Amino acid sequence: MKTVLISGAGVAGPALAYWLRHHDITPTVVEQAPAPRAGGHAVDVRGVALQVIKRMGLTEPLRRAHTQMRGMSMLDAHGTEIMRSTEMALSSGRLDSDDIEVLREDLTDMLIDATRPHTRYLFGDSVTALEQHRDGIRATFDHAPPETFDLVVGADGLHSTVRRLAFGPEQPHVRHLHAYVGVFTAPNFLDLDRWQVWLRAPDVGYGIYSARDNTEIRVNLGFESGPLDYDRHDVTPNAH
């Protein structure tokens, strides 16, 4: 095996590209977004992932990007604080552990930067068809010319294009969990100082924490609901 196409330039895609090239396999990563995606939630690098990061030489950059939370508060449905801790945070666990919590975009940027010298990135493009042949898999793209690869990997998230092209529509295989969550960035109008505030209520909840030296906050909103008819690709703010 010499060539691999990876669909998705999030965390998994570039990480896989790094290790493929480490074993002399040429990776190509296609990503429908025009550039690495900004925003998103905080993620934890823990356990065996810490060893992987160390072998990639990214431990120190990752530690410099650490979110450095001081603690958290938990509110009830009336906004009353019911719990406070300076020993742990809900998003990252114990603050005295070896785990490293970073913003998703910081982690993906590090992985993409580490792989750019030996990985071809096709941003603003997407796979539209896959055809299995004896000599490989012929991939057709929205913009790039068709190309044959030895292997195609779907690292393109919950609604994977690669999975749909390989196995058919996702609807028969989806089990809705009756919940939705959304994450967005906003100015730090709450003046949070490396602190998290969470709401716990029967059908809704949120988590808010400061980021970027307290200049902004990441807001995580969640609610329970049956399937909703909406366009998940539409990220335009809607006042309604």
Protein backbone atom coordinates (compact mmCIF):
# COMPACT_ATOMS: atom_id res chain seq x y z
CA MET A 1 0.00 0.00 0.00
CA LYS A 2 1.45 3.34 -1.09
CA THR A 3 -1.35 5.93 -1.30
CA VAL A 4 -4.22 6.70 1.07
CA LEU A 5 -7.05 9.21 0.76
CA ILE A 6 -8.41 10.55 4.05
CA SER A 7 -11.69 12.43 4.08
CA GLY A 8 -11.75 14.96 6.92
CA ALA A 9 -9.16 17.37 8.31
CA GLY A 10 -10.29 17.38 11.93
CA VAL A 11 -8.28 15.62 14.63
CA ALA A 12 -8.34 12.05 13.29
CA GLY A 13 -7.47 12.82 9.64
CA PRO A 14 -4.21 14.73 10.13
CA ALA A 15 -3.16 12.41 12.98
CA LEU A 16 -3.57 9.43 10.66
CA ALA A 17 -1.71 11.28 7.89
CA TYR A 18 1.26 11.79 10.21
CA TRP A 19 1.62 8.11 11.02
CA LEU A 20 0.99 6.95 7.46
CA ARG A 21 3.87 9.09 6.25
CA HIS A 22 5.93 7.76 9.16
CA HIS A 23 5.54 4.36 7.48
CA ASP A 24 6.37 5.70 3.98
CA ILE A 25 2.76 5.87 2.80
CA THR A 26 1.71 8.99 0.89
CA PRO A 27 -1.45 10.59 2.38
CA THR A 28 -3.93 12.96 0.78
CA VAL A 29 -6.49 14.71 3.01
CA VAL A 30 -9.64 16.20 1.49
CA GLU A 31 -11.74 18.62 3.57
CA GLN A 32 -14.95 20.32 2.47
CA ALA A 33 -14.25 23.45 4.53
CA PRO A 34 -12.15 26.07 2.71
CA ALA A 35 -9.58 26.13 5.55
CA PRO A 36 -8.99 24.40 8.90
CA ARG A 37 -12.14 24.85 10.93
CA ALA A 38 -12.03 27.36 13.78
CA GLY A 39 -14.16 27.17 16.91
CA GLY A 40 -15.46 24.08 18.61
CA HIS A 41 -15.23 22.70 22.11
CA ALA A 42 -12.30 21.84 24.36
CA VAL A 43 -10.87 18.33 24.06
CA ASP A 44 -8.76 16.28 26.46
CA VAL A 45 -5.55 14.53 25.53
CA ARG A 46 -5.18 11.77 28.09
CA GLY A 47 -4.01 8.20 28.59
CA VAL A 48 -2.34 6.59 25.60
CA ALA A 49 -2.97 9.76 23.56
CA LEU A 50 -0.31 11.49 25.68
CA GLN A 51 2.23 8.91 24.52
CA VAL A 52 1.19 9.38 20.90
CA ILE A 53 1.57 13.16 21.19
CA LYS A 54 5.01 12.68 22.78
CA ARG A 55 6.16 10.48 19.89
CA MET A 56 4.96 13.16 17.48
CA GLY A 57 7.04 15.79 19.28
CA LEU A 58 3.98 17.89 20.14
CA THR A 59 3.94 17.67 23.94
CA GLU A 60 5.42 21.11 24.61
CA PRO A 61 3.29 22.98 22.03
CA LEU A 62 0.25 21.21 23.43
CA ARG A 63 1.08 22.18 27.01
CA ARG A 64 1.55 25.80 25.96
CA ALA A 65 -1.96 25.72 24.48
CA HIS A 66 -3.46 24.23 27.67
CA THR A 67 -6.76 25.85 28.68
CA GLN A 68 -5.50 26.35 32.28
CA MET A 69 -8.90 26.19 33.92
CA ARG A 70 -9.02 27.14 37.64
CA GLY A 71 -12.30 25.41 38.37
CA MET A 72 -16.04 25.35 37.75
CA SER A 73 -19.49 26.16 39.08
CA MET A 74 -22.71 24.18 38.61
CA LEU A 75 -26.06 26.00 38.53
CA ASP A 76 -29.58 24.66 38.85
CA ALA A 77 -32.52 25.60 36.63
CA HIS A 78 -33.05 28.80 38.65
CA GLY A 79 -29.46 29.96 38.28
CA THR A 80 -28.55 29.09 41.87
CA GLU A 81 -25.04 27.73 42.37
CA ILE A 82 -25.31 24.19 43.71
CA MET A 83 -21.67 23.13 43.42
CA ARG A 84 -18.25 24.75 43.04
CA SER A 85 -14.84 23.13 42.65
CA THR A 86 -11.25 24.29 42.24
CA GLU A 87 -10.04 20.69 42.01
CA MET A 88 -11.79 19.63 38.81
CA ALA A 89 -13.68 20.95 35.80
CA LEU A 90 -16.50 19.14 34.09
CA SER A 91 -14.90 19.38 30.64
CA SER A 92 -11.44 18.16 31.67
CA GLY A 93 -11.60 16.21 34.92
CA ARG A 94 -9.10 16.70 37.75
CA LEU A 95 -6.96 19.79 37.32
CA ASP A 96 -3.89 18.17 38.93
CA SER A 97 -3.77 15.27 36.45
CA ASP A 98 -1.33 14.85 33.56
CA ASP A 99 -4.18 15.25 31.06
CA ILE A 100 -3.93 18.23 28.71
CA GLU A 101 -7.11 20.08 27.78
CA VAL A 102 -6.86 22.22 24.64
CA LEU A 103 -9.27 23.87 22.27
CA ARG A 104 -10.11 21.63 19.34
CA GLU A 105 -8.89 24.18 16.80
CA ASP A 106 -5.50 24.42 18.52
CA LEU A 107 -5.05 20.67 18.35
CA THR A 108 -6.10 20.42 14.70
CA ASP A 109 -3.83 23.34 13.76
CA MET A 110 -0.85 21.60 15.40
CA LEU A 111 -1.57 18.34 13.61
CA ILE A 112 -2.04 20.01 10.23
CA ASP A 113 1.13 22.08 10.63
CA ALA A 114 3.07 18.94 11.58
CA THR A 115 1.86 17.11 8.46
CA ARG A 116 1.85 19.83 5.77
CA PRO A 117 5.42 19.09 4.58
CA HIS A 118 4.51 15.54 3.57
CA THR A 119 0.72 15.58 3.14
CA ARG A 120 -1.35 16.94 0.26
CA TYR A 121 -4.36 18.86 1.58
CA LEU A 122 -7.38 19.51 -0.63
CA PHE A 123 -9.39 22.15 1.23
CA GLY A 124 -12.73 23.31 -0.14
CA ASP A 125 -13.33 19.97 -1.82
CA SER A 126 -15.21 16.74 -1.15
CA VAL A 127 -15.46 13.17 -2.39
CA THR A 128 -18.48 12.63 -4.62
CA ALA A 129 -18.02 9.02 -5.78
CA LEU A 130 -15.95 5.92 -4.97
CA GLU A 131 -15.41 3.02 -7.37
CA GLN A 132 -13.61 -0.17 -6.33
CA HIS A 133 -11.26 -1.59 -8.97
CA ARG A 134 -8.63 -4.31 -8.98
CA ASP A 135 -5.85 -1.72 -8.84
CA GLY A 136 -7.41 0.46 -6.14
CA ILE A 137 -10.27 2.81 -5.40
CA ARG A 138 -11.07 5.55 -7.89
CA ALA A 139 -12.23 8.69 -6.07
CA THR A 140 -14.13 11.47 -7.80
CA PHE A 141 -14.10 14.95 -6.25
CA ASP A 142 -16.16 18.11 -6.49
CA HIS A 143 -13.21 20.04 -7.89
CA ALA A 144 -9.99 18.02 -8.06
CA PRO A 145 -9.56 15.54 -10.94
CA PRO A 146 -10.39 11.87 -10.25
CA GLU A 147 -7.60 9.81 -8.74
CA THR A 148 -6.98 6.20 -7.70
CA PHE A 149 -5.83 5.32 -4.18
CA ASP A 150 -4.90 2.08 -2.47
CA LEU A 151 -7.15 2.88 0.49
CA VAL A 152 -9.83 5.44 1.40
CA VAL A 153 -10.45 6.36 5.04
CA GLY A 154 -13.52 8.19 6.30
CA ALA A 155 -12.54 10.58 9.10
CA ASP A 156 -15.35 12.95 8.25
CA GLY A 157 -17.54 12.86 11.31
CA LEU A 158 -20.98 11.76 12.31
CA HIS A 159 -22.55 12.26 8.87
CA SER A 160 -19.63 10.71 6.99
CA THR A 161 -19.62 11.17 3.23
CA VAL A 162 -17.25 8.22 2.78
CA ARG A 163 -19.51 5.95 4.83
CA ARG A 164 -22.53 7.02 2.76
CA LEU A 165 -20.73 6.42 -0.53
CA ALA A 166 -19.44 3.03 0.60
CA PHE A 167 -22.48 1.67 2.45
CA GLY A 168 -25.47 3.71 1.29
CA PRO A 169 -27.74 6.30 2.96
CA GLU A 170 -27.23 6.73 6.68
CA GLN A 171 -30.92 6.96 7.63
CA PRO A 172 -31.55 3.21 8.05
CA HIS A 173 -28.57 2.98 10.40
CA VAL A 174 -29.10 6.11 12.53
CA ARG A 175 -30.47 5.79 16.04
CA HIS A 176 -31.51 9.22 17.24
CA LEU A 177 -30.55 9.90 20.86
CA HIS A 178 -33.25 12.60 21.33
CA ALA A 179 -30.71 15.30 22.06
CA TYR A 180 -28.91 18.12 20.28
CA VAL A 181 -25.81 20.09 21.18
CA GLY A 182 -24.29 23.18 19.61
CA VAL A 183 -21.01 24.97 20.30
CA PHE A 184 -20.15 28.56 19.41
CA THR A 185 -17.73 31.33 20.31
CA ALA A 186 -18.70 34.69 21.84
CA PRO A 187 -16.99 37.65 23.52
CA ASN A 188 -16.31 37.10 27.22
CA PHE A 189 -19.16 39.33 28.37
CA LEU A 190 -19.37 37.30 31.60
CA ASP A 191 -15.77 38.19 32.53
CA LEU A 192 -14.95 34.56 33.29
CA ASP A 193 -11.36 34.10 34.43
CA ARG A 194 -10.26 30.58 33.39
CA TRP A 195 -13.54 29.39 34.85
CA GLN A 196 -16.43 27.20 33.74
CA VAL A 197 -20.13 27.65 34.45
CA TRP A 198 -22.55 24.79 33.82
CA LEU A 199 -26.32 24.57 33.99
CA ARG A 200 -28.05 21.35 34.88
CA ALA A 201 -31.80 21.24 34.25
CA PRO A 202 -34.21 18.44 33.29
CA ASP A 203 -34.35 18.97 29.49
CA VAL A 204 -31.71 21.62 28.75
CA GLY A 205 -28.22 22.51 29.77
CA TYR A 206 -25.21 24.58 28.93
CA GLY A 207 -21.52 24.82 29.61
CA ILE A 208 -19.62 28.10 29.28
CA TYR A 209 -15.89 28.55 29.77
CA SER A 210 -13.35 31.24 28.99
CA ALA A 211 -10.72 30.88 26.26
CA ARG A 212 -7.94 32.81 24.54
CA ASP A 213 -6.62 34.50 27.72
CA ASN A 214 -10.18 35.25 28.81
CA THR A 215 -10.91 37.31 25.68
CA GLU A 216 -13.69 34.98 24.56
CA ILE A 217 -15.96 32.21 25.77
CA ARG A 218 -16.99 28.89 24.29
CA VAL A 219 -20.69 28.21 24.74
CA ASN A 220 -22.04 24.64 24.67
CA LEU A 221 -25.84 24.45 24.46
CA GLY A 222 -27.81 21.23 24.67
CA PHE A 223 -31.46 20.25 24.75
CA GLU A 224 -33.61 17.17 24.46
CA SER A 225 -35.77 16.80 21.37
CA GLY A 226 -36.96 14.36 18.78
CA PRO A 227 -35.57 14.65 15.22
CA LEU A 228 -35.69 18.21 13.89
CA ASP A 229 -35.82 19.28 10.27
CA TYR A 230 -32.89 21.68 9.79
CA ASP A 231 -29.87 22.20 7.57
CA ARG A 232 -26.81 21.25 9.61
CA HIS A 233 -24.56 22.88 7.00
CA ASP A 234 -26.12 26.32 7.57
CA VAL A 235 -23.97 28.11 10.15
CA THR A 236 -25.45 31.57 9.50
CA PRO A 237 -26.77 33.15 12.73
CA ASN A 238 -30.55 33.19 12.76
CA ALA A 239 -32.37 35.60 15.05
CA HIS A 240 -35.52 33.51 14.83
